[in-house]
């Protein structure tokens, strides 16, 4: 079997089963483990899977729905989380908004009576905020990742690292007390990590479905964020364990829903 065909089959197998060992692939394709390791290295470089000790696992990002579809998942909870997050924004704040679908909804609740400085790597946030006269808008620039509509790369990192932030609002693909805040895109993870380093306060915006999941890139320990804003579906035991750390856990949808401030 030609190498290109074999690698395509490997991707299909890993995506179907979630993970597989080098030995199993070696027996399946009747090639040496060294050949399989070279295949896995090439496929990881192309972003199709993630190498592990002795095998490979499926790449979360490879199966990630496009941004527009992800926004519709748990939309009511995400809207409540974004509304609550916006209530923490103060006059003269310098804030960072990442490219997560929940974070981008903050733009619909930006207070119009406050002067705010916003740095963002989100294409959607830039589009939403471009006409807001009370917002001084700074795009990080960089390379656009079309699936997540996020700007990333060295230019984006340099822009962010030159800023002094009052608050950073970030999202995550997965969260657990053991593995911390996780993402599926290394460039976006690097940018969020930099934002956390530059911010006086860090807010993690995640609906309850993100807890207990695993993604292959660690952004930071959970203790690096000061406040987690989530929804009422989150298990009370998880809330208790987070508050012991201590992290301020805010349940956004326990309050009456308010209409969008800036439709």
Protein backbone atom coordinates (compact mmCIF):
# COMPACT_ATOMS: atom_id res chain seq x y z
CA UNK A 1 0.00 0.00 0.00
CA UNK A 2 1.35 3.42 -0.98
CA UNK A 3 2.29 5.76 1.87
CA UNK A 4 -0.28 8.41 0.94
CA UNK A 5 -3.12 5.88 0.89
CA UNK A 6 -1.95 4.35 4.18
CA UNK A 7 -1.87 7.75 5.89
CA UNK A 8 -5.38 8.54 4.70
CA UNK A 9 -6.57 5.24 6.16
CA UNK A 10 -4.78 5.97 9.45
CA UNK A 11 -6.64 9.29 9.78
CA UNK A 12 -9.97 7.54 9.12
CA UNK A 13 -9.21 4.86 11.74
CA UNK A 14 -8.10 7.34 14.40
CA UNK A 15 -11.15 9.56 13.86
CA UNK A 16 -13.46 6.56 14.03
CA UNK A 17 -11.97 4.97 17.15
CA UNK A 18 -10.56 8.03 18.92
CA UNK A 19 -7.11 6.49 19.43
CA UNK A 20 -4.95 3.59 18.31
CA UNK A 21 -1.48 2.21 19.06
CA UNK A 22 1.54 2.06 16.77
CA UNK A 23 1.68 -1.72 17.19
CA UNK A 24 -1.92 -2.15 16.06
CA UNK A 25 -1.32 0.04 13.01
CA UNK A 26 1.89 -1.81 12.24
CA UNK A 27 0.09 -5.17 12.23
CA UNK A 28 -2.88 -3.79 10.32
CA UNK A 29 -0.81 -2.35 7.48
CA UNK A 30 1.99 -4.94 7.65
CA UNK A 31 4.75 -2.32 7.94
CA UNK A 32 7.36 -1.65 10.62
CA UNK A 33 6.58 0.44 13.73
CA UNK A 34 9.22 2.92 12.52
CA UNK A 35 7.22 3.47 9.32
CA UNK A 36 4.06 4.05 11.34
CA UNK A 37 5.85 6.54 13.60
CA UNK A 38 6.98 8.49 10.54
CA UNK A 39 3.41 8.45 9.24
CA UNK A 40 2.06 9.73 12.55
CA UNK A 41 4.68 12.48 12.72
CA UNK A 42 3.72 13.67 9.23
CA UNK A 43 0.00 13.54 9.99
CA UNK A 44 0.44 15.46 13.24
CA UNK A 45 2.41 18.15 11.40
CA UNK A 46 -0.50 18.48 8.96
CA UNK A 47 -2.96 18.76 11.85
CA UNK A 48 -4.87 15.51 11.27
CA UNK A 49 -4.11 13.78 14.59
CA UNK A 50 -2.11 14.03 17.80
CA UNK A 51 0.79 11.71 18.56
CA UNK A 52 0.83 10.07 21.98
CA UNK A 53 3.29 7.73 23.68
CA UNK A 54 2.91 4.58 21.64
CA UNK A 55 0.23 5.74 19.23
CA UNK A 56 -2.10 8.57 18.27
CA UNK A 57 -5.42 10.16 19.22
CA UNK A 58 -7.99 12.04 17.18
CA UNK A 59 -7.42 15.75 16.77
CA UNK A 60 -10.32 17.61 18.43
CA UNK A 61 -9.98 20.56 16.09
CA UNK A 62 -10.22 18.35 12.97
CA UNK A 63 -13.81 17.50 13.88
CA UNK A 64 -14.71 20.92 15.30
CA UNK A 65 -17.87 22.40 13.80
CA UNK A 66 -17.52 25.70 11.95
CA UNK A 67 -17.89 28.85 14.03
CA UNK A 68 -21.48 29.55 12.97
CA UNK A 69 -22.60 26.06 13.99
CA UNK A 70 -20.73 26.13 17.31
CA UNK A 71 -22.42 29.41 18.19
CA UNK A 72 -25.85 27.73 18.03
CA UNK A 73 -24.87 25.01 20.51
CA UNK A 74 -26.30 25.88 23.96
CA UNK A 75 -27.07 29.35 22.61
CA UNK A 76 -29.33 30.51 25.45
CA UNK A 77 -26.71 29.61 28.04
CA UNK A 78 -23.97 31.31 26.03
CA UNK A 79 -26.06 34.46 25.72
CA UNK A 80 -26.66 34.57 29.48
CA UNK A 81 -22.95 34.02 30.15
CA UNK A 82 -21.96 36.83 27.77
CA UNK A 83 -24.51 39.22 29.29
CA UNK A 84 -23.16 38.53 32.78
CA UNK A 85 -19.56 38.92 31.61
CA UNK A 86 -20.33 42.34 30.13
CA UNK A 87 -21.57 43.52 33.53
CA UNK A 88 -17.97 43.29 34.82
CA UNK A 89 -16.71 45.83 32.29
CA UNK A 90 -15.98 49.24 33.83
CA UNK A 91 -15.35 52.69 32.43
CA UNK A 92 -11.82 53.10 30.99
CA UNK A 93 -11.19 49.35 31.12
CA UNK A 94 -8.66 47.85 28.72
CA UNK A 95 -9.93 44.36 27.96
CA UNK A 96 -9.11 41.40 25.77
CA UNK A 97 -11.80 39.39 23.98
CA UNK A 98 -10.77 36.09 22.43
CA UNK A 99 -12.34 34.45 19.39
CA UNK A 100 -14.64 32.04 21.24
CA UNK A 101 -18.29 32.03 20.26
CA UNK A 102 -19.44 32.83 23.80
CA UNK A 103 -16.93 35.66 24.21
CA UNK A 104 -17.95 37.23 20.89
CA UNK A 105 -21.50 37.58 22.24
CA UNK A 106 -20.19 40.07 24.82
CA UNK A 107 -20.11 42.59 21.96
CA UNK A 108 -23.94 42.63 22.02
CA UNK A 109 -23.91 43.79 25.65
CA UNK A 110 -21.08 46.34 25.69
CA UNK A 111 -22.23 49.29 27.87
CA UNK A 112 -22.75 52.35 25.69
CA UNK A 113 -22.21 54.79 28.57
CA UNK A 114 -18.63 53.66 29.22
CA UNK A 115 -15.41 54.40 27.36
CA UNK A 116 -13.73 51.05 26.73
CA UNK A 117 -10.53 49.89 25.07
CA UNK A 118 -10.87 46.47 23.48
CA UNK A 119 -8.09 44.30 22.09
CA UNK A 120 -9.29 41.25 20.21
CA UNK A 121 -8.10 38.53 17.86
CA UNK A 122 -11.69 37.81 16.83
CA UNK A 123 -12.78 38.65 13.30
CA UNK A 124 -16.39 38.63 14.50
CA UNK A 125 -15.70 41.01 17.40
CA UNK A 126 -13.96 43.44 15.06
CA UNK A 127 -16.99 43.38 12.75
CA UNK A 128 -19.47 43.89 15.61
CA UNK A 129 -17.55 46.67 17.34
CA UNK A 130 -16.31 48.66 14.35
CA UNK A 131 -19.12 51.23 14.59
CA UNK A 132 -19.23 51.56 18.40
CA UNK A 133 -18.13 55.13 19.09
CA UNK A 134 -17.45 54.48 22.78
CA UNK A 135 -15.05 51.63 21.98
CA UNK A 136 -11.42 52.12 21.04
CA UNK A 137 -10.90 48.95 19.03
CA UNK A 138 -7.52 47.31 18.51
CA UNK A 139 -7.23 44.20 16.36
CA UNK A 140 -4.26 41.98 17.11
CA UNK A 141 -3.80 41.38 13.41
CA UNK A 142 -2.05 38.21 12.34
CA UNK A 143 -3.04 35.21 10.27
CA UNK A 144 -6.78 34.46 10.02
CA UNK A 145 -7.78 30.93 11.01
CA UNK A 146 -10.92 30.63 8.90
CA UNK A 147 -12.63 27.82 10.80
CA UNK A 148 -12.62 29.71 14.11
CA UNK A 149 -12.41 33.22 12.56
CA UNK A 150 -9.46 33.99 14.84
CA UNK A 151 -6.30 35.97 14.13
CA UNK A 152 -3.19 34.20 15.43
CA UNK A 153 0.57 34.14 14.95
CA UNK A 154 3.57 36.21 16.05
CA UNK A 155 2.07 39.57 15.04
CA UNK A 156 -1.02 38.87 17.15
CA UNK A 157 1.13 37.77 20.10
CA UNK A 158 3.35 40.86 19.86
CA UNK A 159 0.31 43.16 19.85
CA UNK A 160 -1.12 41.48 22.92
CA UNK A 161 2.17 41.39 24.83
CA UNK A 162 2.58 45.14 24.37
CA UNK A 163 -0.71 45.82 26.17
CA UNK A 164 -1.58 46.27 29.82
CA UNK A 165 -4.97 44.67 30.40
CA UNK A 166 -7.45 45.22 33.20
CA UNK A 167 -9.44 42.15 32.22
CA UNK A 168 -9.20 39.21 29.82
CA UNK A 169 -12.28 37.29 28.72
CA UNK A 170 -11.37 33.91 27.26
CA UNK A 171 -13.13 30.74 26.24
CA UNK A 172 -12.05 27.09 26.18
CA UNK A 173 -12.85 23.88 24.40
CA UNK A 174 -12.60 21.85 27.59
CA UNK A 175 -12.15 22.39 31.33
CA UNK A 176 -11.32 20.06 34.19
CA UNK A 177 -9.88 20.57 37.64
CA UNK A 178 -7.15 18.01 36.91
CA UNK A 179 -6.16 19.02 33.37
CA UNK A 180 -6.98 22.71 33.58
CA UNK A 181 -8.20 24.98 30.78
CA UNK A 182 -7.75 23.28 27.40
CA UNK A 183 -8.07 24.19 23.74
CA UNK A 184 -7.78 22.44 20.40
CA UNK A 185 -5.78 25.05 18.48
CA UNK A 186 -2.20 25.65 19.57
CA UNK A 187 -2.00 29.19 18.17
CA UNK A 188 -5.19 30.33 19.89
CA UNK A 189 -4.05 28.65 23.09
CA UNK A 190 -0.78 30.60 22.93
CA UNK A 191 -2.68 33.86 22.49
CA UNK A 192 -5.02 33.17 25.42
CA UNK A 193 -2.05 32.19 27.57
CA UNK A 194 -0.41 35.52 26.77
CA UNK A 195 -3.64 37.39 27.59
CA UNK A 196 -3.80 35.72 30.99
CA UNK A 197 -0.23 36.80 31.70
CA UNK A 198 -0.98 40.43 30.81
CA UNK A 199 -4.35 40.79 32.57
CA UNK A 200 -5.03 41.86 36.15
CA UNK A 201 -8.24 39.77 36.12
CA UNK A 202 -9.05 36.71 34.04
CA UNK A 203 -12.59 35.58 33.23
CA UNK A 204 -13.25 32.15 31.75
CA UNK A 205 -16.56 31.97 29.85
CA UNK A 206 -17.69 28.37 29.39
CA UNK A 207 -21.08 26.70 29.34
CA UNK A 208 -21.48 23.54 31.42
CA UNK A 209 -20.93 21.20 28.47
CA UNK A 210 -17.22 22.12 28.44
CA UNK A 211 -16.56 20.56 31.84
CA UNK A 212 -15.28 17.00 31.98
CA UNK A 213 -14.11 17.07 28.37
CA UNK A 214 -10.49 16.72 27.26
CA UNK A 215 -8.60 18.60 24.54
CA UNK A 216 -4.97 18.04 23.70
CA UNK A 217 -3.56 21.53 24.38
CA UNK A 218 -3.29 22.86 27.92
CA UNK A 219 -3.72 26.63 28.17
CA UNK A 220 -3.27 26.98 31.93
CA UNK A 221 -4.27 25.47 35.27
CA UNK A 222 -7.79 26.37 36.35
CA UNK A 223 -6.30 28.38 39.21
CA UNK A 224 -4.96 30.94 36.71
CA UNK A 225 -8.45 32.38 36.18
CA UNK A 226 -10.11 34.49 38.84
CA UNK A 227 -13.72 34.00 37.74
CA UNK A 228 -15.55 31.31 35.79
CA UNK A 229 -18.89 32.33 34.32
CA UNK A 230 -21.02 29.32 33.41
CA UNK A 231 -24.62 28.09 33.55
CA UNK A 232 -26.87 26.25 35.99
CA UNK A 233 -26.39 22.83 34.37
CA UNK A 234 -22.94 22.57 35.98
CA UNK A 235 -22.80 19.89 38.68
CA UNK A 236 -22.74 21.32 42.22
CA UNK A 237 -19.78 19.11 43.16
CA UNK A 238 -17.69 20.70 40.40
CA UNK A 239 -18.71 24.16 41.62
CA UNK A 240 -17.72 23.27 45.18
CA UNK A 241 -14.31 21.94 44.10
CA UNK A 242 -13.62 25.08 42.04
CA UNK A 243 -14.58 27.39 44.89
CA UNK A 244 -12.16 25.58 47.20
CA UNK A 245 -9.22 26.51 44.89
CA UNK A 246 -10.54 29.33 45.27
CA UNK A 247 -12.21 30.47 42.04
CA UNK A 248 -15.25 32.71 41.89
CA UNK A 249 -17.92 30.68 40.07
CA UNK A 250 -20.79 32.75 38.65
CA UNK A 251 -23.95 31.00 37.42
CA UNK A 252 -25.19 33.36 34.73
CA UNK A 253 -28.64 31.96 33.99
CA UNK A 254 -29.92 32.09 37.56
CA UNK A 255 -30.73 35.76 37.00
CA UNK A 256 -33.66 37.09 34.92
CA UNK A 257 -32.70 37.38 31.28
CA UNK A 258 -32.18 40.90 29.96
CA UNK A 259 -32.63 42.00 26.34
CA UNK A 260 -29.61 42.68 24.16
CA UNK A 261 -28.33 46.17 24.82
CA UNK A 262 -26.88 46.82 21.38
CA UNK A 263 -28.88 44.91 18.78
